[in-house]
Amino acid sequence: MSTNEIWTVPPVAFYFSVEFSWGKDYIAASFMEISGLEQEIELDEISQIGKDGNKISLPKSVKHQRLTLKRPLEHLSLDLSVWINDCFSFLEGGWIEPCTLTVRLRDKEHEPVAAWVCTRAFPVNWKLDTLDSQKSALSMETLIFTYSKLIRTM
């Protein structure tokens, strides 16, 4: 072990921020839970010629999971609400304008310690959890996004 190694406290998974951006315009929003920051190389398996029958795995493409953002139902930025509604209204003469979605994990001093950028992101599903008069629970909404590329920037 090197004497120059810096020991740090691992970041907690509950302190993060989310930002939606379109060029220089951006909107920050709060979410309670994020999942789907995941990518995987898909492989093509090719059989080798010969008697051993071994297969070679070759990279074919990169597959991304859908990004799921959950939050208690509360006021959402008007600009973000308009963008989400516009995306789901694309069949009515509108269009889907993808954004760059950035998730930042923060430390106790509010400084980012890791960040992931999802390019060309747009919502593909919006859901409100079941409203149930028999339970005392937060009313939760879920937004699910697809994206083209996932980049860890920190």
C-alpha atoms as a PDB file:
ATOM      1  CA  MET A   1       0.000   0.000   0.000  1.00  0.00           C
ATOM      2  CA  SER A   2       1.333   3.420  -0.933  1.00  0.00           C
ATOM      3  CA  THR A   3       1.861   6.060   1.758  1.00  0.00           C
ATOM      4  CA  ASN A   4       0.323   8.616  -0.640  1.00  0.00           C
ATOM      5  CA  GLU A   5      -3.042   6.847  -0.663  1.00  0.00           C
ATOM      6  CA  ILE A   6      -5.886   9.050   0.557  1.00  0.00           C
ATOM      7  CA  TRP A   7      -8.511   7.351   2.699  1.00  0.00           C
ATOM      8  CA  THR A   8     -12.019   8.693   2.384  1.00  0.00           C
ATOM      9  CA  VAL A   9     -15.339   7.879   3.948  1.00  0.00           C
ATOM     10  CA  PRO A  10     -17.548   6.047   1.432  1.00  0.00           C
ATOM     11  CA  PRO A  11     -20.535   8.151   0.344  1.00  0.00           C
ATOM     12  CA  VAL A  12     -24.019   7.397   1.598  1.00  0.00           C
ATOM     13  CA  ALA A  13     -26.618   6.353  -0.973  1.00  0.00           C
ATOM     14  CA  PHE A  14     -29.390   8.624   0.319  1.00  0.00           C
ATOM     15  CA  TYR A  15     -27.965  12.068  -0.501  1.00  0.00           C
ATOM     16  CA  PHE A  16     -28.239  12.790  -4.224  1.00  0.00           C
ATOM     17  CA  SER A  17     -29.556  15.358  -6.666  1.00  0.00           C
ATOM     18  CA  VAL A  18     -31.127  15.161 -10.133  1.00  0.00           C
ATOM     19  CA  GLU A  19     -30.822  17.746 -12.885  1.00  0.00           C
ATOM     20  CA  PHE A  20     -32.540  17.886 -16.281  1.00  0.00           C
ATOM     21  CA  SER A  21     -30.781  20.036 -18.902  1.00  0.00           C
ATOM     22  CA  TRP A  22     -31.324  21.181 -22.465  1.00  0.00           C
ATOM     23  CA  GLY A  23     -28.230  23.068 -23.559  1.00  0.00           C
ATOM     24  CA  LYS A  24     -27.795  25.937 -21.071  1.00  0.00           C
ATOM     25  CA  ASP A  25     -31.302  25.545 -19.603  1.00  0.00           C
ATOM     26  CA  TYR A  26     -31.667  23.210 -16.639  1.00  0.00           C
ATOM     27  CA  ILE A  27     -34.115  22.211 -13.917  1.00  0.00           C
ATOM     28  CA  ALA A  28     -33.225  20.587 -10.598  1.00  0.00           C
ATOM     29  CA  ALA A  29     -35.784  18.250  -9.022  1.00  0.00           C
ATOM     30  CA  SER A  30     -36.015  16.197  -5.829  1.00  0.00           C
ATOM     31  CA  PHE A  31     -36.599  12.466  -5.819  1.00  0.00           C
ATOM     32  CA  MET A  32     -36.792   9.932  -3.014  1.00  0.00           C
ATOM     33  CA  GLU A  33     -35.418   6.957  -4.930  1.00  0.00           C
ATOM     34  CA  ILE A  34     -33.444   6.345  -8.116  1.00  0.00           C
ATOM     35  CA  SER A  35     -32.752   3.032  -9.810  1.00  0.00           C
ATOM     36  CA  GLY A  36     -31.601   1.926 -13.252  1.00  0.00           C
ATOM     37  CA  LEU A  37     -28.139   3.469 -13.482  1.00  0.00           C
ATOM     38  CA  GLU A  38     -26.944   0.352 -15.228  1.00  0.00           C
ATOM     39  CA  GLN A  39     -25.434  -0.676 -18.522  1.00  0.00           C
ATOM     40  CA  GLU A  40     -24.281  -3.997 -19.898  1.00  0.00           C
ATOM     41  CA  ILE A  41     -22.313  -5.091 -22.933  1.00  0.00           C
ATOM     42  CA  GLU A  42     -24.353  -7.536 -24.990  1.00  0.00           C
ATOM     43  CA  LEU A  43     -22.292 -10.319 -26.503  1.00  0.00           C
ATOM     44  CA  ASP A  44     -22.380 -12.468 -29.616  1.00  0.00           C
ATOM     45  CA  GLU A  45     -21.109 -15.987 -28.991  1.00  0.00           C
ATOM     46  CA  ILE A  46     -19.294 -17.556 -31.901  1.00  0.00           C
ATOM     47  CA  SER A  47     -18.250 -21.190 -31.968  1.00  0.00           C
ATOM     48  CA  GLN A  48     -14.637 -21.829 -32.808  1.00  0.00           C
ATOM     49  CA  ILE A  49     -13.806 -24.252 -35.548  1.00  0.00           C
ATOM     50  CA  GLY A  50     -12.097 -27.298 -34.140  1.00  0.00           C
ATOM     51  CA  LYS A  51     -12.633 -30.251 -31.892  1.00  0.00           C
ATOM     52  CA  ASP A  52     -12.770 -28.447 -28.514  1.00  0.00           C
ATOM     53  CA  GLY A  53     -16.033 -26.621 -29.342  1.00  0.00           C
ATOM     54  CA  ASN A  54     -15.141 -23.537 -27.303  1.00  0.00           C
ATOM     55  CA  LYS A  55     -17.048 -20.338 -27.931  1.00  0.00           C
ATOM     56  CA  ILE A  56     -15.699 -16.835 -28.238  1.00  0.00           C
ATOM     57  CA  SER A  57     -17.712 -13.893 -26.863  1.00  0.00           C
ATOM     58  CA  LEU A  58     -17.555 -10.726 -28.933  1.00  0.00           C
ATOM     59  CA  PRO A  59     -19.091  -7.376 -27.911  1.00  0.00           C
ATOM     60  CA  LYS A  60     -22.215  -6.570 -29.924  1.00  0.00           C
ATOM     61  CA  SER A  61     -23.866  -3.526 -28.311  1.00  0.00           C
ATOM     62  CA  VAL A  62     -24.467  -1.737 -25.015  1.00  0.00           C
ATOM     63  CA  LYS A  63     -27.815  -2.234 -23.280  1.00  0.00           C
ATOM     64  CA  HIS A  64     -29.112   0.345 -20.785  1.00  0.00           C
ATOM     65  CA  GLN A  65     -31.668  -0.202 -18.077  1.00  0.00           C
ATOM     66  CA  ARG A  66     -34.522   2.275 -17.796  1.00  0.00           C
ATOM     67  CA  LEU A  67     -33.988   4.948 -15.188  1.00  0.00           C
ATOM     68  CA  THR A  68     -36.694   5.017 -12.512  1.00  0.00           C
ATOM     69  CA  LEU A  69     -37.223   8.141 -10.396  1.00  0.00           C
ATOM     70  CA  LYS A  70     -39.660   8.024  -7.459  1.00  0.00           C
ATOM     71  CA  ARG A  71     -40.927  10.886  -5.339  1.00  0.00           C
ATOM     72  CA  PRO A  72     -43.801  11.804  -3.058  1.00  0.00           C
ATOM     73  CA  LEU A  73     -46.508  13.584  -5.015  1.00  0.00           C
ATOM     74  CA  GLU A  74     -45.786  17.272  -4.548  1.00  0.00           C
ATOM     75  CA  HIS A  75     -45.304  20.406  -6.588  1.00  0.00           C
ATOM     76  CA  LEU A  76     -43.055  19.776  -9.576  1.00  0.00           C
ATOM     77  CA  SER A  77     -41.361  22.610 -11.435  1.00  0.00           C
ATOM     78  CA  LEU A  78     -43.793  24.054 -13.995  1.00  0.00           C
ATOM     79  CA  ASP A  79     -41.150  23.837 -16.745  1.00  0.00           C
ATOM     80  CA  LEU A  80     -40.469  20.177 -15.924  1.00  0.00           C
ATOM     81  CA  SER A  81     -44.209  19.401 -15.824  1.00  0.00           C
ATOM     82  CA  VAL A  82     -44.717  21.085 -19.208  1.00  0.00           C
ATOM     83  CA  TRP A  83     -41.793  19.127 -20.708  1.00  0.00           C
ATOM     84  CA  ILE A  84     -43.120  15.798 -19.383  1.00  0.00           C
ATOM     85  CA  ASN A  85     -46.641  16.587 -20.660  1.00  0.00           C
ATOM     86  CA  ASP A  86     -45.227  17.613 -24.055  1.00  0.00           C
ATOM     87  CA  CYS A  87     -43.340  14.304 -24.302  1.00  0.00           C
ATOM     88  CA  PHE A  88     -46.504  12.308 -23.623  1.00  0.00           C
ATOM     89  CA  SER A  89     -48.471  14.480 -26.097  1.00  0.00           C
ATOM     90  CA  PHE A  90     -46.166  13.899 -29.061  1.00  0.00           C
ATOM     91  CA  LEU A  91     -48.969  12.235 -31.054  1.00  0.00           C
ATOM     92  CA  GLU A  92     -50.955  15.475 -30.925  1.00  0.00           C
ATOM     93  CA  GLY A  93     -48.504  17.343 -33.153  1.00  0.00           C
ATOM     94  CA  GLY A  94     -45.799  17.801 -30.571  1.00  0.00           C
ATOM     95  CA  TRP A  95     -42.409  16.217 -30.342  1.00  0.00           C
ATOM     96  CA  ILE A  96     -40.161  14.650 -27.771  1.00  0.00           C
ATOM     97  CA  GLU A  97     -37.183  16.829 -26.935  1.00  0.00           C
ATOM     98  CA  PRO A  98     -34.663  14.610 -25.115  1.00  0.00           C
ATOM     99  CA  CYS A  99     -32.719  16.065 -22.215  1.00  0.00           C
ATOM    100  CA  THR A 100     -29.449  15.333 -20.487  1.00  0.00           C
ATOM    101  CA  LEU A 101     -30.289  13.896 -17.090  1.00  0.00           C
ATOM    102  CA  THR A 102     -27.556  14.095 -14.438  1.00  0.00           C
ATOM    103  CA  VAL A 103     -27.560  12.264 -11.097  1.00  0.00           C
ATOM    104  CA  ARG A 104     -25.040  13.429  -8.512  1.00  0.00           C
ATOM    105  CA  LEU A 105     -24.205  11.584  -5.307  1.00  0.00           C
ATOM    106  CA  ARG A 106     -23.216  14.114  -2.620  1.00  0.00           C
ATOM    107  CA  ASP A 107     -21.179  14.058   0.575  1.00  0.00           C
ATOM    108  CA  LYS A 108     -21.994  15.591   3.955  1.00  0.00           C
ATOM    109  CA  GLU A 109     -20.605  18.964   2.797  1.00  0.00           C
ATOM    110  CA  HIS A 110     -23.058  18.901  -0.162  1.00  0.00           C
ATOM    111  CA  GLU A 111     -20.198  18.407  -2.629  1.00  0.00           C
ATOM    112  CA  PRO A 112     -20.630  15.906  -5.470  1.00  0.00           C
ATOM    113  CA  VAL A 113     -18.522  12.755  -5.039  1.00  0.00           C
ATOM    114  CA  ALA A 114     -19.839  10.846  -8.067  1.00  0.00           C
ATOM    115  CA  ALA A 115     -21.993  11.750 -11.047  1.00  0.00           C
ATOM    116  CA  TRP A 116     -23.736   9.915 -13.859  1.00  0.00           C
ATOM    117  CA  VAL A 117     -24.960  11.545 -17.067  1.00  0.00           C
ATOM    118  CA  CYS A 118     -27.767   9.989 -19.097  1.00  0.00           C
ATOM    119  CA  THR A 119     -27.822  11.437 -22.615  1.00  0.00           C
ATOM    120  CA  ARG A 120     -30.919  11.826 -24.802  1.00  0.00           C
ATOM    121  CA  ALA A 121     -33.248  10.960 -21.922  1.00  0.00           C
ATOM    122  CA  PHE A 122     -37.016  11.248 -22.081  1.00  0.00           C
ATOM    123  CA  PRO A 123     -39.919   9.839 -20.057  1.00  0.00           C
ATOM    124  CA  VAL A 124     -41.601   6.637 -21.235  1.00  0.00           C
ATOM    125  CA  ASN A 125     -43.821   5.979 -18.214  1.00  0.00           C
ATOM    126  CA  TRP A 126     -45.510   8.054 -15.515  1.00  0.00           C
ATOM    127  CA  LYS A 127     -47.404   6.391 -12.705  1.00  0.00           C
ATOM    128  CA  LEU A 128     -49.191   7.418  -9.535  1.00  0.00           C
ATOM    129  CA  ASP A 129     -49.280   4.698  -6.877  1.00  0.00           C
ATOM    130  CA  THR A 130     -52.651   3.372  -5.779  1.00  0.00           C
ATOM    131  CA  LEU A 131     -54.716   5.772  -3.710  1.00  0.00           C
ATOM    132  CA  ASP A 132     -55.976   3.742  -0.755  1.00  0.00           C
ATOM    133  CA  SER A 133     -58.157   5.200   2.015  1.00  0.00           C
ATOM    134  CA  GLN A 134     -57.261   2.217   4.243  1.00  0.00           C
ATOM    135  CA  LYS A 135     -53.551   3.067   4.416  1.00  0.00           C
ATOM    136  CA  SER A 136     -51.610   5.941   5.867  1.00  0.00           C
ATOM    137  CA  ALA A 137     -48.864   6.240   3.260  1.00  0.00           C
ATOM    138  CA  LEU A 138     -47.329   8.909   1.084  1.00  0.00           C
ATOM    139  CA  SER A 139     -48.850   9.265  -2.352  1.00  0.00           C
ATOM    140  CA  MET A 140     -45.922   8.380  -4.641  1.00  0.00           C
ATOM    141  CA  GLU A 141     -45.348   9.134  -8.297  1.00  0.00           C
ATOM    142  CA  THR A 142     -42.892   7.296 -10.505  1.00  0.00           C
ATOM    143  CA  LEU A 143     -41.242   8.545 -13.682  1.00  0.00           C
ATOM    144  CA  ILE A 144     -39.390   6.076 -15.901  1.00  0.00           C
ATOM    145  CA  PHE A 145     -36.911   7.319 -18.504  1.00  0.00           C
ATOM    146  CA  THR A 146     -35.091   5.759 -21.405  1.00  0.00           C
ATOM    147  CA  TYR A 147     -31.706   7.140 -22.419  1.00  0.00           C
ATOM    148  CA  SER A 148     -29.062   6.566 -25.093  1.00  0.00           C
ATOM    149  CA  LYS A 149     -25.824   6.559 -23.146  1.00  0.00           C
ATOM    150  CA  LEU A 150     -24.686   6.396 -19.520  1.00  0.00           C
ATOM    151  CA  ILE A 151     -21.434   8.120 -18.579  1.00  0.00           C
ATOM    152  CA  ARG A 152     -19.887   8.245 -15.106  1.00  0.00           C
ATOM    153  CA  THR A 153     -18.249  11.671 -14.969  1.00  0.00           C
ATOM    154  CA  MET A 154     -16.758  11.599 -11.471  1.00  0.00           C
END
